[in-house]
């Protein structure tokens, strides 16, 4: 019984320390599509494409540089859950999903 309790405590504490995941809903031609940022995996997913990310210091309030192959963009946040990014000449405006 003590071993099971110890395992549960260890698993619970490791999950509590996991890096956060954020979801933003971004306007794309009248539709709201999700952007998922997973800091534990250092990934950003947009329209089924997974980009690797790293924190970008000079990007609004907080942000990431997303890259995959020869494509890259800055996903920058502002206050109160707002964010935006530009990809292939199109600017997307996003709001954090609550």
N, C-alpha and C. Protein backbone atom coordinates (compact mmCIF):
# COMPACT_ATOMS: atom_id res chain seq x y z
N UNK A 1 0.82 -1.20 0.00
CA UNK A 1 0.00 0.00 0.00
C UNK A 1 0.87 1.27 0.00
N UNK A 2 1.95 1.25 0.79
CA UNK A 2 2.83 2.41 0.86
C UNK A 2 3.50 2.65 -0.50
N UNK A 3 3.84 1.56 -1.21
CA UNK A 3 4.47 1.71 -2.52
C UNK A 3 3.51 2.36 -3.51
N UNK A 4 2.24 1.98 -3.47
CA UNK A 4 1.25 2.58 -4.37
C UNK A 4 1.06 4.05 -4.06
N UNK A 5 1.03 4.41 -2.80
CA UNK A 5 0.89 5.81 -2.41
C UNK A 5 2.09 6.62 -2.88
N UNK A 6 3.29 6.07 -2.72
CA UNK A 6 4.50 6.75 -3.16
C UNK A 6 4.49 6.96 -4.67
N UNK A 7 4.10 5.95 -5.42
CA UNK A 7 4.02 6.07 -6.89
C UNK A 7 3.01 7.15 -7.27
N UNK A 8 1.87 7.18 -6.63
CA UNK A 8 0.85 8.19 -6.92
C UNK A 8 1.37 9.59 -6.61
N UNK A 9 2.10 9.74 -5.52
CA UNK A 9 2.64 11.06 -5.18
C UNK A 9 3.69 11.50 -6.19
N UNK A 10 4.54 10.61 -6.61
CA UNK A 10 5.57 10.94 -7.59
C UNK A 10 4.94 11.32 -8.92
N UNK A 11 3.99 10.54 -9.39
CA UNK A 11 3.31 10.85 -10.65
C UNK A 11 2.55 12.16 -10.56
N UNK A 12 1.88 12.40 -9.45
CA UNK A 12 1.14 13.64 -9.28
C UNK A 12 2.04 14.85 -9.26
N UNK A 13 3.19 14.76 -8.61
CA UNK A 13 4.09 15.91 -8.56
C UNK A 13 4.75 16.16 -9.91
N UNK A 14 5.04 15.12 -10.68
CA UNK A 14 5.65 15.34 -11.99
C UNK A 14 4.66 15.96 -12.96
N UNK A 15 3.40 15.64 -12.84
CA UNK A 15 2.39 16.26 -13.70
C UNK A 15 2.18 17.71 -13.30
N UNK A 16 2.27 18.01 -12.02
CA UNK A 16 2.07 19.39 -11.56
C UNK A 16 3.20 20.29 -12.04
N UNK A 17 4.39 19.73 -12.26
CA UNK A 17 5.53 20.52 -12.68
C UNK A 17 5.64 20.62 -14.20
N UNK A 18 4.75 20.00 -14.92
CA UNK A 18 4.81 20.02 -16.38
C UNK A 18 4.63 21.45 -16.89
N UNK A 19 5.31 21.73 -18.00
CA UNK A 19 5.19 23.06 -18.61
C UNK A 19 3.77 23.25 -19.14
N UNK A 20 3.32 24.50 -19.16
CA UNK A 20 1.94 24.76 -19.57
C UNK A 20 1.69 24.56 -21.07
N UNK A 21 0.43 24.33 -21.38
CA UNK A 21 -0.05 24.27 -22.75
C UNK A 21 -1.06 25.38 -22.92
N UNK A 22 -0.95 26.13 -24.02
CA UNK A 22 -1.86 27.24 -24.29
C UNK A 22 -2.60 26.97 -25.59
N UNK A 23 -3.85 27.37 -25.63
CA UNK A 23 -4.63 27.30 -26.86
C UNK A 23 -5.18 28.69 -27.17
N UNK A 24 -4.93 29.13 -28.39
CA UNK A 24 -5.46 30.40 -28.89
C UNK A 24 -6.37 30.09 -30.06
N UNK A 25 -7.42 30.89 -30.22
CA UNK A 25 -8.30 30.80 -31.39
C UNK A 25 -8.01 31.99 -32.29
N UNK A 26 -7.63 31.69 -33.54
CA UNK A 26 -7.18 32.73 -34.46
C UNK A 26 -8.12 32.84 -35.65
N UNK A 27 -8.39 34.07 -36.06
CA UNK A 27 -9.27 34.34 -37.20
C UNK A 27 -8.57 33.98 -38.50
N UNK A 28 -9.24 33.14 -39.29
CA UNK A 28 -8.71 32.75 -40.60
C UNK A 28 -9.87 32.71 -41.58
N UNK A 29 -10.00 33.76 -42.37
CA UNK A 29 -11.07 33.86 -43.37
C UNK A 29 -12.46 33.62 -42.75
N UNK A 30 -12.73 34.29 -41.63
CA UNK A 30 -14.04 34.22 -40.99
C UNK A 30 -14.22 33.03 -40.05
N UNK A 31 -13.24 32.16 -39.98
CA UNK A 31 -13.32 31.01 -39.07
C UNK A 31 -12.31 31.19 -37.95
N UNK A 32 -12.60 30.60 -36.80
CA UNK A 32 -11.66 30.60 -35.68
C UNK A 32 -10.99 29.23 -35.64
N UNK A 33 -9.67 29.23 -35.84
CA UNK A 33 -8.90 28.00 -35.82
C UNK A 33 -7.92 28.02 -34.65
N UNK A 34 -7.68 26.85 -34.05
CA UNK A 34 -6.81 26.83 -32.87
C UNK A 34 -5.32 26.82 -33.20
N UNK A 35 -4.57 27.50 -32.35
CA UNK A 35 -3.12 27.39 -32.28
C UNK A 35 -2.85 26.79 -30.91
N UNK A 36 -2.12 25.67 -30.90
CA UNK A 36 -1.80 25.02 -29.63
C UNK A 36 -0.30 25.16 -29.39
N UNK A 37 0.05 25.70 -28.23
CA UNK A 37 1.44 25.85 -27.84
C UNK A 37 1.69 24.94 -26.66
N UNK A 38 2.62 24.01 -26.82
CA UNK A 38 2.96 23.05 -25.78
C UNK A 38 4.41 23.30 -25.37
N UNK A 39 4.59 23.96 -24.23
CA UNK A 39 5.94 24.30 -23.78
C UNK A 39 6.71 23.08 -23.29
N UNK A 40 6.02 22.01 -22.89
CA UNK A 40 6.75 20.82 -22.46
C UNK A 40 7.39 20.11 -23.65
N UNK A 41 6.78 20.23 -24.83
CA UNK A 41 7.33 19.63 -26.05
C UNK A 41 8.03 20.66 -26.93
N UNK A 42 7.93 21.94 -26.54
CA UNK A 42 8.47 23.04 -27.34
C UNK A 42 7.92 23.02 -28.76
N UNK A 43 6.59 22.94 -28.86
CA UNK A 43 5.92 22.90 -30.16
C UNK A 43 4.77 23.89 -30.23
N UNK A 44 4.48 24.33 -31.44
CA UNK A 44 3.30 25.13 -31.77
C UNK A 44 2.64 24.42 -32.94
N UNK A 45 1.34 24.16 -32.82
CA UNK A 45 0.61 23.47 -33.88
C UNK A 45 -0.41 24.43 -34.49
N UNK A 46 -0.35 24.59 -35.81
CA UNK A 46 -1.26 25.47 -36.56
C UNK A 46 -1.65 24.77 -37.84
N UNK A 47 -2.95 24.56 -38.03
CA UNK A 47 -3.50 23.92 -39.23
C UNK A 47 -2.82 22.58 -39.51
N UNK A 48 -2.60 21.80 -38.46
CA UNK A 48 -2.03 20.47 -38.62
C UNK A 48 -0.52 20.41 -38.77
N UNK A 49 0.13 21.55 -38.84
CA UNK A 49 1.59 21.59 -38.96
C UNK A 49 2.19 21.88 -37.58
N UNK A 50 3.18 21.08 -37.21
CA UNK A 50 3.83 21.23 -35.91
C UNK A 50 5.17 21.92 -36.13
N UNK A 51 5.33 23.07 -35.48
CA UNK A 51 6.56 23.86 -35.54
C UNK A 51 7.30 23.71 -34.23
N UNK A 52 8.62 23.73 -34.27
CA UNK A 52 9.38 23.78 -33.02
C UNK A 52 9.43 25.25 -32.58
N UNK A 53 9.44 25.46 -31.27
CA UNK A 53 9.43 26.83 -30.75
C UNK A 53 10.54 27.05 -29.75
N UNK A 54 10.91 28.32 -29.63
CA UNK A 54 11.76 28.77 -28.54
C UNK A 54 11.25 30.15 -28.13
N UNK A 55 11.45 30.47 -26.86
CA UNK A 55 10.97 31.75 -26.33
C UNK A 55 11.66 32.89 -27.07
N UNK A 56 10.87 33.88 -27.43
CA UNK A 56 11.39 35.07 -28.11
C UNK A 56 11.24 36.24 -27.15
N UNK A 57 12.34 36.78 -26.71
CA UNK A 57 12.34 37.83 -25.68
C UNK A 57 11.70 39.13 -26.15
N UNK A 58 11.95 39.56 -27.38
CA UNK A 58 11.46 40.86 -27.85
C UNK A 58 10.19 40.70 -28.69
N UNK A 59 9.21 40.06 -28.10
CA UNK A 59 7.99 39.72 -28.83
C UNK A 59 6.77 40.08 -27.99
N UNK A 60 6.40 41.35 -28.00
CA UNK A 60 5.24 41.77 -27.21
C UNK A 60 5.46 41.49 -25.74
N UNK A 61 4.40 41.08 -25.09
CA UNK A 61 4.49 40.75 -23.67
C UNK A 61 5.23 39.44 -23.46
N UNK A 62 4.99 38.48 -24.33
CA UNK A 62 5.63 37.17 -24.28
C UNK A 62 5.44 36.55 -25.65
N UNK A 63 6.33 35.69 -26.05
CA UNK A 63 6.15 35.09 -27.36
C UNK A 63 7.15 34.01 -27.67
N UNK A 64 6.97 33.40 -28.83
CA UNK A 64 7.80 32.31 -29.29
C UNK A 64 8.17 32.51 -30.75
N UNK A 65 9.32 32.00 -31.12
CA UNK A 65 9.72 31.89 -32.52
C UNK A 65 9.39 30.46 -32.93
N UNK A 66 8.54 30.31 -33.95
CA UNK A 66 8.13 29.00 -34.45
C UNK A 66 8.84 28.73 -35.77
N UNK A 67 9.38 27.52 -35.91
CA UNK A 67 10.10 27.18 -37.14
C UNK A 67 9.89 25.73 -37.51
N UNK A 68 9.81 25.52 -38.82
CA UNK A 68 9.77 24.16 -39.38
C UNK A 68 10.32 24.27 -40.79
N UNK A 69 11.32 23.45 -41.08
CA UNK A 69 11.99 23.49 -42.37
C UNK A 69 12.46 24.93 -42.63
N UNK A 70 12.06 25.52 -43.74
CA UNK A 70 12.48 26.89 -44.06
C UNK A 70 11.41 27.93 -43.73
N UNK A 71 10.40 27.55 -42.95
CA UNK A 71 9.31 28.45 -42.61
C UNK A 71 9.43 28.83 -41.14
N UNK A 72 9.30 30.13 -40.85
CA UNK A 72 9.34 30.58 -39.47
C UNK A 72 8.51 31.82 -39.28
N UNK A 73 8.02 32.01 -38.06
CA UNK A 73 7.26 33.21 -37.72
C UNK A 73 7.30 33.42 -36.22
N UNK A 74 7.00 34.65 -35.80
CA UNK A 74 6.94 35.01 -34.39
C UNK A 74 5.49 35.03 -33.94
N UNK A 75 5.18 34.28 -32.90
CA UNK A 75 3.85 34.29 -32.29
C UNK A 75 3.98 35.14 -31.03
N UNK A 76 3.42 36.35 -31.07
CA UNK A 76 3.60 37.32 -29.99
C UNK A 76 2.29 37.57 -29.26
N UNK A 77 2.37 37.59 -27.94
CA UNK A 77 1.19 37.85 -27.13
C UNK A 77 1.19 39.30 -26.64
N UNK A 78 0.01 39.77 -26.33
CA UNK A 78 -0.17 41.10 -25.75
C UNK A 78 -0.84 40.90 -24.39
N UNK A 79 -1.61 41.85 -23.97
CA UNK A 79 -2.30 41.73 -22.68
C UNK A 79 -3.66 41.08 -22.85
N UNK A 80 -4.17 40.56 -21.78
CA UNK A 80 -5.52 40.00 -21.70
C UNK A 80 -5.79 38.91 -22.75
N UNK A 81 -4.79 38.08 -23.06
CA UNK A 81 -5.00 36.92 -23.91
C UNK A 81 -4.96 37.17 -25.40
N UNK A 82 -4.62 38.37 -25.83
CA UNK A 82 -4.54 38.66 -27.27
C UNK A 82 -3.17 38.25 -27.80
N UNK A 83 -3.13 37.84 -29.07
CA UNK A 83 -1.87 37.46 -29.71
C UNK A 83 -2.04 37.64 -31.21
N UNK A 84 -0.91 37.63 -31.92
CA UNK A 84 -0.97 37.66 -33.38
C UNK A 84 0.30 37.09 -33.96
N UNK A 85 0.23 36.75 -35.24
CA UNK A 85 1.40 36.31 -35.97
C UNK A 85 1.15 36.52 -37.46
N UNK A 86 2.24 36.58 -38.21
CA UNK A 86 2.16 36.72 -39.66
C UNK A 86 2.85 35.52 -40.29
N UNK A 87 2.16 34.89 -41.23
CA UNK A 87 2.69 33.72 -41.92
C UNK A 87 2.32 33.82 -43.39
N UNK A 88 3.30 33.75 -44.26
CA UNK A 88 3.09 33.83 -45.71
C UNK A 88 2.34 35.09 -46.12
N UNK A 89 2.66 36.21 -45.48
CA UNK A 89 2.05 37.48 -45.83
C UNK A 89 0.66 37.73 -45.26
N UNK A 90 0.15 36.79 -44.45
CA UNK A 90 -1.17 36.93 -43.84
C UNK A 90 -1.00 37.13 -42.34
N UNK A 91 -1.67 38.15 -41.79
CA UNK A 91 -1.63 38.40 -40.35
C UNK A 91 -2.86 37.75 -39.71
N UNK A 92 -2.62 36.99 -38.67
CA UNK A 92 -3.67 36.31 -37.93
C UNK A 92 -3.78 36.94 -36.54
N UNK A 93 -5.00 37.27 -36.13
CA UNK A 93 -5.27 37.85 -34.82
C UNK A 93 -5.94 36.77 -33.98
N UNK A 94 -5.44 36.61 -32.75
CA UNK A 94 -5.85 35.48 -31.93
C UNK A 94 -6.26 35.93 -30.53
N UNK A 95 -7.09 35.12 -29.90
CA UNK A 95 -7.47 35.30 -28.51
C UNK A 95 -7.29 33.98 -27.79
N UNK A 96 -6.77 34.06 -26.55
CA UNK A 96 -6.57 32.85 -25.76
C UNK A 96 -7.91 32.20 -25.47
N UNK A 97 -7.97 30.89 -25.67
CA UNK A 97 -9.18 30.14 -25.35
C UNK A 97 -9.29 30.03 -23.84
N UNK A 98 -10.45 30.38 -23.31
CA UNK A 98 -10.66 30.34 -21.86
C UNK A 98 -11.68 29.33 -21.51
